[in-house]
C-alpha atoms as a PDB file:
ATOM      1  CA  UNK A   1     -50.060 -23.373  18.612  1.00  0.00           C
ATOM      2  CA  UNK A   2     -47.216 -21.684  20.907  1.00  0.00           C
ATOM      3  CA  UNK A   3     -45.083 -24.761  20.854  1.00  0.00           C
ATOM      4  CA  UNK A   4     -44.850 -24.756  16.995  1.00  0.00           C
ATOM      5  CA  UNK A   5     -44.071 -21.126  16.932  1.00  0.00           C
ATOM      6  CA  UNK A   6     -41.462 -21.392  19.323  1.00  0.00           C
ATOM      7  CA  UNK A   7     -39.777 -24.328  17.744  1.00  0.00           C
ATOM      8  CA  UNK A   8     -39.843 -22.418  14.374  1.00  0.00           C
ATOM      9  CA  UNK A   9     -38.388 -19.475  16.027  1.00  0.00           C
ATOM     10  CA  UNK A  10     -35.355 -21.599  17.922  1.00  0.00           C
ATOM     11  CA  UNK A  11     -34.644 -23.168  14.366  1.00  0.00           C
ATOM     12  CA  UNK A  12     -34.325 -20.055  12.668  1.00  0.00           C
ATOM     13  CA  UNK A  13     -31.933 -18.767  15.440  1.00  0.00           C
ATOM     14  CA  UNK A  14     -29.836 -21.694  15.040  1.00  0.00           C
ATOM     15  CA  UNK A  15     -29.700 -21.640  11.337  1.00  0.00           C
ATOM     16  CA  UNK A  16     -28.593 -17.797  11.387  1.00  0.00           C
ATOM     17  CA  UNK A  17     -26.166 -18.501  14.019  1.00  0.00           C
ATOM     18  CA  UNK A  18     -24.621 -21.539  12.149  1.00  0.00           C
ATOM     19  CA  UNK A  19     -24.393 -19.690   8.809  1.00  0.00           C
ATOM     20  CA  UNK A  20     -22.508 -16.710  10.510  1.00  0.00           C
ATOM     21  CA  UNK A  21     -20.213 -19.256  12.444  1.00  0.00           C
ATOM     22  CA  UNK A  22     -19.327 -20.769   8.780  1.00  0.00           C
ATOM     23  CA  UNK A  23     -18.702 -17.159   7.646  1.00  0.00           C
ATOM     24  CA  UNK A  24     -16.412 -16.142  10.126  1.00  0.00           C
ATOM     25  CA  UNK A  25     -14.394 -19.452   9.600  1.00  0.00           C
ATOM     26  CA  UNK A  26     -13.690 -19.142   6.029  1.00  0.00           C
ATOM     27  CA  UNK A  27      -9.945 -17.973   5.139  1.00  0.00           C
ATOM     28  CA  UNK A  28     -10.659 -17.366   1.451  1.00  0.00           C
ATOM     29  CA  UNK A  29     -11.132 -13.554   0.670  1.00  0.00           C
ATOM     30  CA  UNK A  30     -14.385 -12.456  -1.015  1.00  0.00           C
ATOM     31  CA  UNK A  31     -13.696 -11.088  -4.672  1.00  0.00           C
ATOM     32  CA  UNK A  32     -14.280  -7.704  -3.367  1.00  0.00           C
ATOM     33  CA  UNK A  33     -11.874  -8.131  -0.360  1.00  0.00           C
ATOM     34  CA  UNK A  34      -8.432  -6.628  -0.552  1.00  0.00           C
ATOM     35  CA  UNK A  35      -5.614  -8.950   0.291  1.00  0.00           C
ATOM     36  CA  UNK A  36      -1.985  -7.465   0.947  1.00  0.00           C
ATOM     37  CA  UNK A  37       0.228 -10.190  -0.770  1.00  0.00           C
ATOM     38  CA  UNK A  38       3.355  -9.006   1.222  1.00  0.00           C
ATOM     39  CA  UNK A  39       1.670  -9.866   4.790  1.00  0.00           C
ATOM     40  CA  UNK A  40       2.289 -13.303   6.056  1.00  0.00           C
ATOM     41  CA  UNK A  41      -0.561 -15.908   5.232  1.00  0.00           C
ATOM     42  CA  UNK A  42      -2.702 -16.959   8.258  1.00  0.00           C
ATOM     43  CA  UNK A  43      -1.703 -20.142   9.909  1.00  0.00           C
ATOM     44  CA  UNK A  44      -2.050 -23.080   7.625  1.00  0.00           C
ATOM     45  CA  UNK A  45      -2.734 -26.171   9.107  1.00  0.00           C
ATOM     46  CA  UNK A  46      -2.294 -28.638   6.304  1.00  0.00           C
ATOM     47  CA  UNK A  47       1.262 -27.422   5.163  1.00  0.00           C
ATOM     48  CA  UNK A  48       4.478 -27.229   6.924  1.00  0.00           C
ATOM     49  CA  UNK A  49       6.713 -24.190   5.494  1.00  0.00           C
ATOM     50  CA  UNK A  50      10.378 -24.853   4.750  1.00  0.00           C
ATOM     51  CA  UNK A  51      13.170 -22.803   6.295  1.00  0.00           C
ATOM     52  CA  UNK A  52      14.014 -21.107   2.795  1.00  0.00           C
ATOM     53  CA  UNK A  53      10.408 -20.186   2.412  1.00  0.00           C
ATOM     54  CA  UNK A  54      10.365 -18.567   5.657  1.00  0.00           C
ATOM     55  CA  UNK A  55      13.491 -16.480   5.019  1.00  0.00           C
ATOM     56  CA  UNK A  56      11.969 -15.426   1.807  1.00  0.00           C
ATOM     57  CA  UNK A  57       8.840 -14.046   3.716  1.00  0.00           C
ATOM     58  CA  UNK A  58      10.782 -12.011   6.059  1.00  0.00           C
ATOM     59  CA  UNK A  59      12.830 -10.557   3.488  1.00  0.00           C
ATOM     60  CA  UNK A  60       9.824  -9.370   1.777  1.00  0.00           C
ATOM     61  CA  UNK A  61       8.165  -7.954   4.719  1.00  0.00           C
ATOM     62  CA  UNK A  62      11.286  -5.946   5.447  1.00  0.00           C
ATOM     63  CA  UNK A  63      11.440  -4.392   2.185  1.00  0.00           C
ATOM     64  CA  UNK A  64       9.533  -1.059   1.558  1.00  0.00           C
ATOM     65  CA  UNK A  65       9.412  -1.924  -2.135  1.00  0.00           C
ATOM     66  CA  UNK A  66       8.897  -4.215  -4.290  1.00  0.00           C
ATOM     67  CA  UNK A  67      10.448  -5.124  -7.750  1.00  0.00           C
ATOM     68  CA  UNK A  68       8.487  -6.202 -10.853  1.00  0.00           C
ATOM     69  CA  UNK A  69       9.839  -9.444 -11.864  1.00  0.00           C
ATOM     70  CA  UNK A  70       9.471  -9.553 -15.285  1.00  0.00           C
ATOM     71  CA  UNK A  71      11.134  -6.000 -15.988  1.00  0.00           C
ATOM     72  CA  UNK A  72      14.061  -4.074 -14.677  1.00  0.00           C
ATOM     73  CA  UNK A  73      11.735  -0.987 -13.749  1.00  0.00           C
ATOM     74  CA  UNK A  74      11.288  -0.771 -10.020  1.00  0.00           C
ATOM     75  CA  UNK A  75       7.838  -0.574  -8.622  1.00  0.00           C
ATOM     76  CA  UNK A  76       7.702   1.194  -4.939  1.00  0.00           C
ATOM     77  CA  UNK A  77       4.799   0.470  -2.661  1.00  0.00           C
ATOM     78  CA  UNK A  78       3.255   0.479   1.175  1.00  0.00           C
ATOM     79  CA  UNK A  79      -0.111   0.611   2.367  1.00  0.00           C
ATOM     80  CA  UNK A  80      -0.834   4.076   1.102  1.00  0.00           C
ATOM     81  CA  UNK A  81       1.005   4.138  -2.354  1.00  0.00           C
ATOM     82  CA  UNK A  82       1.106   1.375  -4.949  1.00  0.00           C
ATOM     83  CA  UNK A  83       2.713   0.798  -8.289  1.00  0.00           C
ATOM     84  CA  UNK A  84       4.866   4.031  -7.795  1.00  0.00           C
ATOM     85  CA  UNK A  85       7.167   3.872 -10.881  1.00  0.00           C
ATOM     86  CA  UNK A  86      10.046   6.745 -11.887  1.00  0.00           C
ATOM     87  CA  UNK A  87      10.502   7.386 -15.183  1.00  0.00           C
ATOM     88  CA  UNK A  88      12.615  10.443 -17.005  1.00  0.00           C
ATOM     89  CA  UNK A  89      12.283  12.604 -20.008  1.00  0.00           C
ATOM     90  CA  UNK A  90      14.932  15.041 -21.090  1.00  0.00           C
ATOM     91  CA  UNK A  91      13.961  17.759 -18.781  1.00  0.00           C
ATOM     92  CA  UNK A  92      11.997  15.948 -16.185  1.00  0.00           C
ATOM     93  CA  UNK A  93      11.669  13.342 -13.612  1.00  0.00           C
ATOM     94  CA  UNK A  94       8.156  11.663 -13.772  1.00  0.00           C
ATOM     95  CA  UNK A  95       6.757   9.591 -10.500  1.00  0.00           C
ATOM     96  CA  UNK A  96       3.380   7.800 -11.149  1.00  0.00           C
ATOM     97  CA  UNK A  97       1.392   5.735  -9.305  1.00  0.00           C
ATOM     98  CA  UNK A  98      -1.854   5.111  -7.208  1.00  0.00           C
ATOM     99  CA  UNK A  99      -2.659   6.463  -3.825  1.00  0.00           C
ATOM    100  CA  UNK A 100      -5.363   5.558  -1.198  1.00  0.00           C
ATOM    101  CA  UNK A 101      -5.651   8.816   1.005  1.00  0.00           C
ATOM    102  CA  UNK A 102      -8.099  10.578   3.011  1.00  0.00           C
ATOM    103  CA  UNK A 103      -9.936  13.414   0.657  1.00  0.00           C
ATOM    104  CA  UNK A 104      -7.380  12.581  -2.106  1.00  0.00           C
ATOM    105  CA  UNK A 105      -4.426  14.730  -0.840  1.00  0.00           C
ATOM    106  CA  UNK A 106      -1.097  13.683  -0.148  1.00  0.00           C
ATOM    107  CA  UNK A 107       2.266  15.551   0.100  1.00  0.00           C
ATOM    108  CA  UNK A 108       5.727  14.948  -1.417  1.00  0.00           C
ATOM    109  CA  UNK A 109       9.045  16.340  -0.604  1.00  0.00           C
ATOM    110  CA  UNK A 110      12.367  15.921  -2.356  1.00  0.00           C
ATOM    111  CA  UNK A 111      15.461  15.790  -0.383  1.00  0.00           C
ATOM    112  CA  UNK A 112      19.268  15.976  -1.271  1.00  0.00           C
ATOM    113  CA  UNK A 113      20.648  14.103   1.678  1.00  0.00           C
ATOM    114  CA  UNK A 114      19.112  15.951   4.581  1.00  0.00           C
ATOM    115  CA  UNK A 115      18.408  19.115   2.649  1.00  0.00           C
ATOM    116  CA  UNK A 116      14.871  19.562   1.480  1.00  0.00           C
ATOM    117  CA  UNK A 117      14.765  20.775  -2.230  1.00  0.00           C
ATOM    118  CA  UNK A 118      10.837  21.019  -2.726  1.00  0.00           C
ATOM    119  CA  UNK A 119       7.751  19.951  -1.222  1.00  0.00           C
ATOM    120  CA  UNK A 120       4.369  20.152  -2.352  1.00  0.00           C
ATOM    121  CA  UNK A 121       1.252  18.374  -2.053  1.00  0.00           C
ATOM    122  CA  UNK A 122      -1.120  16.333  -4.633  1.00  0.00           C
ATOM    123  CA  UNK A 123      -4.759  16.172  -5.204  1.00  0.00           C
ATOM    124  CA  UNK A 124      -6.342  13.014  -6.318  1.00  0.00           C
ATOM    125  CA  UNK A 125      -9.284  10.598  -5.925  1.00  0.00           C
ATOM    126  CA  UNK A 126     -10.167  10.134  -2.095  1.00  0.00           C
ATOM    127  CA  UNK A 127     -10.027   7.035  -0.342  1.00  0.00           C
ATOM    128  CA  UNK A 128     -11.308   4.183  -0.073  1.00  0.00           C
ATOM    129  CA  UNK A 129     -10.640   4.439  -4.159  1.00  0.00           C
ATOM    130  CA  UNK A 130      -6.965   4.426  -5.236  1.00  0.00           C
ATOM    131  CA  UNK A 131      -6.211   7.633  -7.170  1.00  0.00           C
ATOM    132  CA  UNK A 132      -3.985   7.866 -10.007  1.00  0.00           C
ATOM    133  CA  UNK A 133      -1.070  10.552  -9.693  1.00  0.00           C
ATOM    134  CA  UNK A 134       1.629  11.880 -11.666  1.00  0.00           C
ATOM    135  CA  UNK A 135       4.368  14.110 -10.196  1.00  0.00           C
ATOM    136  CA  UNK A 136       6.748  15.998 -12.422  1.00  0.00           C
ATOM    137  CA  UNK A 137       9.866  17.237 -11.106  1.00  0.00           C
ATOM    138  CA  UNK A 138      12.175  19.589 -13.210  1.00  0.00           C
ATOM    139  CA  UNK A 139      15.595  18.176 -13.454  1.00  0.00           C
ATOM    140  CA  UNK A 140      17.554  21.327 -12.534  1.00  0.00           C
ATOM    141  CA  UNK A 141      15.904  20.966  -9.123  1.00  0.00           C
ATOM    142  CA  UNK A 142      18.219  17.882  -8.615  1.00  0.00           C
ATOM    143  CA  UNK A 143      20.775  18.774 -11.161  1.00  0.00           C
ATOM    144  CA  UNK A 144      23.870  18.748  -8.884  1.00  0.00           C
ATOM    145  CA  UNK A 145      23.234  16.665  -5.903  1.00  0.00           C
ATOM    146  CA  UNK A 146      25.624  16.656  -3.228  1.00  0.00           C
ATOM    147  CA  UNK A 147      24.098  13.268  -1.538  1.00  0.00           C
ATOM    148  CA  UNK A 148      21.708  10.577  -2.569  1.00  0.00           C
ATOM    149  CA  UNK A 149      18.419  12.628  -3.847  1.00  0.00           C
ATOM    150  CA  UNK A 150      15.295  10.986  -2.892  1.00  0.00           C
ATOM    151  CA  UNK A 151      11.481  11.894  -3.058  1.00  0.00           C
ATOM    152  CA  UNK A 152       9.345  11.262  -0.068  1.00  0.00           C
ATOM    153  CA  UNK A 153       5.659  10.568  -0.368  1.00  0.00           C
ATOM    154  CA  UNK A 154       3.623  10.765   2.572  1.00  0.00           C
ATOM    155  CA  UNK A 155       0.315  12.027   4.351  1.00  0.00           C
ATOM    156  CA  UNK A 156       0.175  14.440   7.333  1.00  0.00           C
ATOM    157  CA  UNK A 157      -1.730  12.772  10.401  1.00  0.00           C
ATOM    158  CA  UNK A 158      -4.940  14.549  11.183  1.00  0.00           C
ATOM    159  CA  UNK A 159      -4.279  13.776  14.748  1.00  0.00           C
ATOM    160  CA  UNK A 160      -1.004  15.161  15.376  1.00  0.00           C
ATOM    161  CA  UNK A 161       0.197  16.701  11.929  1.00  0.00           C
ATOM    162  CA  UNK A 162       3.169  14.023  11.984  1.00  0.00           C
ATOM    163  CA  UNK A 163       4.311  12.223   8.808  1.00  0.00           C
ATOM    164  CA  UNK A 164       2.610   8.911   8.275  1.00  0.00           C
ATOM    165  CA  UNK A 165       2.868   6.224   5.390  1.00  0.00           C
ATOM    166  CA  UNK A 166       5.948   7.532   4.273  1.00  0.00           C
ATOM    167  CA  UNK A 167       7.359   5.740   1.004  1.00  0.00           C
ATOM    168  CA  UNK A 168      10.936   6.816   0.164  1.00  0.00           C
ATOM    169  CA  UNK A 169      11.873   6.579  -3.616  1.00  0.00           C
ATOM    170  CA  UNK A 170      15.324   7.235  -4.730  1.00  0.00           C
ATOM    171  CA  UNK A 171      15.906   9.389  -7.671  1.00  0.00           C
ATOM    172  CA  UNK A 172      18.847   8.506  -9.823  1.00  0.00           C
ATOM    173  CA  UNK A 173      19.506  10.283 -12.979  1.00  0.00           C
ATOM    174  CA  UNK A 174      20.766   8.640 -16.139  1.00  0.00           C
END
């Protein structure tokens, strides 16, 4: 009886270990797993990449923003902010997008060159969810720029108070 019980235990442990090992070797993401398409894929043993593909991957990694291929509207993103777009009305510049930030709070600042014109914070849904945001900036704030005007989206580090995950977006008025 003890031998049968021992055999069943060993067989169960071997089955569990085999299934765990099989899950670790899978390179395909789950439906719930988030994939960053701008990162290079894991090594692919079956296909060789051409020199042209490698140069495209390198340029994509060096970009801080991606441009939507179907339209002329630029879309900016990094690991904290995504789908960030800039639009205009007669009186305002509107920045919309999604943020994945701790407690749903991030900051933004508008710069004219190195001069800070405006700094504020925004409250949205907290991580791990992606919270929508809409920032409206009065055009009179950036009406007579001396240099290139940009908005900087960022979070302050809880550890040391430095800026992290900075996303710079140029603000050009039409």
